[in-house]
Amino acid sequence: MFMGKLRSDDKLQGLALAAYPPALSRFRSELALGFGPKTNQTNKTVRAIAIALTLLFYEWLANGSKGEGYRFHLNGALDLIKNSGPEALESPITKAAYTDLRCGAS
């Protein structure tokens, strides 16, 4: 998406837009696999946050930080971390993501 916008290339932007539905399908599969009975809570949280961040990044590239999708995924990622309890912030990755997301939400 970024390169398509940078170069004003409608075909490249179209390819990026066409990749969105298959990516969503793959994310759904990842979530289903990642929430099996043998998966610990930390891995579930990290997987869900990674997906939310990926979607947030896509929305930012597609529509900028003022876009509705960007704010939706930003708030969703923050809510995932907040509702995962204090143990979610024990991971340095999750803690850094939370700090960065809070700055982006301001």
C-alpha atoms as a PDB file:
ATOM      1  CA  MET A   1       0.000   0.000   0.000  1.00  0.00           C
ATOM      2  CA  PHE A   2       2.747   2.424   0.993  1.00  0.00           C
ATOM      3  CA  MET A   3       4.682   2.016  -2.238  1.00  0.00           C
ATOM      4  CA  GLY A   4       1.501   2.334  -4.289  1.00  0.00           C
ATOM      5  CA  LYS A   5       0.651   5.613  -2.604  1.00  0.00           C
ATOM      6  CA  LEU A   6       4.221   6.846  -2.742  1.00  0.00           C
ATOM      7  CA  ARG A   7       4.387   6.214  -6.486  1.00  0.00           C
ATOM      8  CA  SER A   8       0.743   7.088  -7.189  1.00  0.00           C
ATOM      9  CA  ASP A   9       0.417   3.593  -8.641  1.00  0.00           C
ATOM     10  CA  ASP A  10      -3.249   2.577  -8.681  1.00  0.00           C
ATOM     11  CA  LYS A  11      -2.415  -0.986  -9.742  1.00  0.00           C
ATOM     12  CA  LEU A  12      -0.093  -1.506  -6.777  1.00  0.00           C
ATOM     13  CA  GLN A  13      -2.663  -0.015  -4.406  1.00  0.00           C
ATOM     14  CA  GLY A  14      -5.262  -2.337  -5.904  1.00  0.00           C
ATOM     15  CA  LEU A  15      -3.029  -5.338  -5.212  1.00  0.00           C
ATOM     16  CA  ALA A  16      -2.664  -4.233  -1.597  1.00  0.00           C
ATOM     17  CA  LEU A  17      -6.421  -3.836  -1.232  1.00  0.00           C
ATOM     18  CA  ALA A  18      -6.995  -7.247  -2.806  1.00  0.00           C
ATOM     19  CA  ALA A  19      -4.617  -8.824  -0.287  1.00  0.00           C
ATOM     20  CA  TYR A  20      -6.695  -7.602   2.668  1.00  0.00           C
ATOM     21  CA  PRO A  21      -9.523 -10.215   2.621  1.00  0.00           C
ATOM     22  CA  PRO A  22      -7.142 -13.203   2.349  1.00  0.00           C
ATOM     23  CA  ALA A  23      -5.077 -11.728   5.190  1.00  0.00           C
ATOM     24  CA  LEU A  24      -8.196 -11.468   7.358  1.00  0.00           C
ATOM     25  CA  SER A  25      -9.006 -15.090   6.611  1.00  0.00           C
ATOM     26  CA  ARG A  26      -5.517 -16.146   7.597  1.00  0.00           C
ATOM     27  CA  PHE A  27      -5.718 -14.118  10.795  1.00  0.00           C
ATOM     28  CA  ARG A  28      -8.998 -15.831  11.679  1.00  0.00           C
ATOM     29  CA  SER A  29      -7.296 -19.196  11.216  1.00  0.00           C
ATOM     30  CA  GLU A  30      -4.347 -18.105  13.357  1.00  0.00           C
ATOM     31  CA  LEU A  31      -6.686 -16.967  16.099  1.00  0.00           C
ATOM     32  CA  ALA A  32      -8.595 -20.251  16.004  1.00  0.00           C
ATOM     33  CA  LEU A  33      -5.360 -22.249  16.234  1.00  0.00           C
ATOM     34  CA  GLY A  34      -3.879 -19.934  18.831  1.00  0.00           C
ATOM     35  CA  PHE A  35      -6.796 -20.259  21.179  1.00  0.00           C
ATOM     36  CA  GLY A  36      -6.775 -24.020  21.467  1.00  0.00           C
ATOM     37  CA  PRO A  37      -6.947 -25.700  24.876  1.00  0.00           C
ATOM     38  CA  LYS A  38      -3.167 -26.267  25.066  1.00  0.00           C
ATOM     39  CA  THR A  39      -2.212 -22.638  24.393  1.00  0.00           C
ATOM     40  CA  ASN A  40      -1.206 -20.585  27.421  1.00  0.00           C
ATOM     41  CA  GLN A  41      -2.800 -17.208  28.071  1.00  0.00           C
ATOM     42  CA  THR A  42       0.341 -15.188  27.311  1.00  0.00           C
ATOM     43  CA  ASN A  43       0.659 -16.718  23.837  1.00  0.00           C
ATOM     44  CA  LYS A  44      -3.009 -16.041  23.164  1.00  0.00           C
ATOM     45  CA  THR A  45      -2.607 -12.421  24.153  1.00  0.00           C
ATOM     46  CA  VAL A  46       0.586 -11.894  22.164  1.00  0.00           C
ATOM     47  CA  ARG A  47      -0.950 -13.504  19.064  1.00  0.00           C
ATOM     48  CA  ALA A  48      -4.083 -11.365  19.250  1.00  0.00           C
ATOM     49  CA  ILE A  49      -2.053  -8.195  19.820  1.00  0.00           C
ATOM     50  CA  ALA A  50       0.250  -9.000  16.889  1.00  0.00           C
ATOM     51  CA  ILE A  51      -2.759  -9.386  14.610  1.00  0.00           C
ATOM     52  CA  ALA A  52      -4.327  -6.138  15.854  1.00  0.00           C
ATOM     53  CA  LEU A  53      -1.025  -4.319  15.284  1.00  0.00           C
ATOM     54  CA  THR A  54      -0.720  -5.728  11.769  1.00  0.00           C
ATOM     55  CA  LEU A  55      -4.226  -4.517  10.926  1.00  0.00           C
ATOM     56  CA  LEU A  56      -3.493  -1.163  12.551  1.00  0.00           C
ATOM     57  CA  PHE A  57      -0.379  -0.762  10.415  1.00  0.00           C
ATOM     58  CA  TYR A  58      -2.273  -1.654   7.245  1.00  0.00           C
ATOM     59  CA  GLU A  59      -5.001   0.876   8.052  1.00  0.00           C
ATOM     60  CA  TRP A  60      -2.387   3.524   8.762  1.00  0.00           C
ATOM     61  CA  LEU A  61      -0.766   2.900   5.376  1.00  0.00           C
ATOM     62  CA  ALA A  62      -4.118   2.860   3.593  1.00  0.00           C
ATOM     63  CA  ASN A  63      -5.886   5.770   5.275  1.00  0.00           C
ATOM     64  CA  GLY A  64      -3.498   7.550   7.626  1.00  0.00           C
ATOM     65  CA  SER A  65      -3.730   7.989  11.363  1.00  0.00           C
ATOM     66  CA  LYS A  66      -7.030   9.870  11.112  1.00  0.00           C
ATOM     67  CA  GLY A  67      -8.816   6.941   9.449  1.00  0.00           C
ATOM     68  CA  GLU A  68     -11.591   5.121  11.262  1.00  0.00           C
ATOM     69  CA  GLY A  69      -9.947   1.712  10.801  1.00  0.00           C
ATOM     70  CA  TYR A  70      -6.679   2.920  12.296  1.00  0.00           C
ATOM     71  CA  ARG A  71      -8.362   4.214  15.455  1.00  0.00           C
ATOM     72  CA  PHE A  72     -10.479   1.061  15.705  1.00  0.00           C
ATOM     73  CA  HIS A  73      -7.445  -1.256  15.616  1.00  0.00           C
ATOM     74  CA  LEU A  74      -5.432   1.029  17.897  1.00  0.00           C
ATOM     75  CA  ASN A  75      -8.159   0.985  20.530  1.00  0.00           C
ATOM     76  CA  GLY A  76      -8.664  -2.757  20.036  1.00  0.00           C
ATOM     77  CA  ALA A  77      -4.989  -3.495  20.661  1.00  0.00           C
ATOM     78  CA  LEU A  78      -5.038  -1.296  23.778  1.00  0.00           C
ATOM     79  CA  ASP A  79      -8.173  -3.032  25.048  1.00  0.00           C
ATOM     80  CA  LEU A  80      -6.619  -6.461  24.466  1.00  0.00           C
ATOM     81  CA  ILE A  81      -3.650  -5.549  26.608  1.00  0.00           C
ATOM     82  CA  LYS A  82      -5.725  -3.817  29.307  1.00  0.00           C
ATOM     83  CA  ASN A  83      -8.125  -6.753  29.605  1.00  0.00           C
ATOM     84  CA  SER A  84      -5.356  -9.358  29.690  1.00  0.00           C
ATOM     85  CA  GLY A  85      -4.460  -8.493  33.254  1.00  0.00           C
ATOM     86  CA  PRO A  86      -1.189  -7.376  34.803  1.00  0.00           C
ATOM     87  CA  GLU A  87       0.671 -10.511  33.685  1.00  0.00           C
ATOM     88  CA  ALA A  88       0.386  -9.308  30.072  1.00  0.00           C
ATOM     89  CA  LEU A  89       2.756  -6.466  30.924  1.00  0.00           C
ATOM     90  CA  GLU A  90       5.381  -8.901  32.244  1.00  0.00           C
ATOM     91  CA  SER A  91       6.459  -9.522  28.659  1.00  0.00           C
ATOM     92  CA  PRO A  92       8.856  -6.791  27.477  1.00  0.00           C
ATOM     93  CA  ILE A  93       7.297  -6.941  24.009  1.00  0.00           C
ATOM     94  CA  THR A  94       3.769  -6.466  25.277  1.00  0.00           C
ATOM     95  CA  LYS A  95       4.865  -3.721  27.660  1.00  0.00           C
ATOM     96  CA  ALA A  96       6.651  -1.840  24.856  1.00  0.00           C
ATOM     97  CA  ALA A  97       3.642  -2.260  22.549  1.00  0.00           C
ATOM     98  CA  TYR A  98       1.315  -0.934  25.225  1.00  0.00           C
ATOM     99  CA  THR A  99       3.528   2.096  25.864  1.00  0.00           C
ATOM    100  CA  ASP A 100       3.806   2.879  22.148  1.00  0.00           C
ATOM    101  CA  LEU A 101       0.088   2.363  21.552  1.00  0.00           C
ATOM    102  CA  ARG A 102      -0.851   4.671  24.392  1.00  0.00           C
ATOM    103  CA  CYS A 103       1.356   7.371  22.858  1.00  0.00           C
ATOM    104  CA  GLY A 104      -0.367   6.832  19.500  1.00  0.00           C
ATOM    105  CA  ALA A 105      -3.790   7.076  21.081  1.00  0.00           C
ATOM    106  CA  SER A 106      -3.050  10.494  22.555  1.00  0.00           C
END
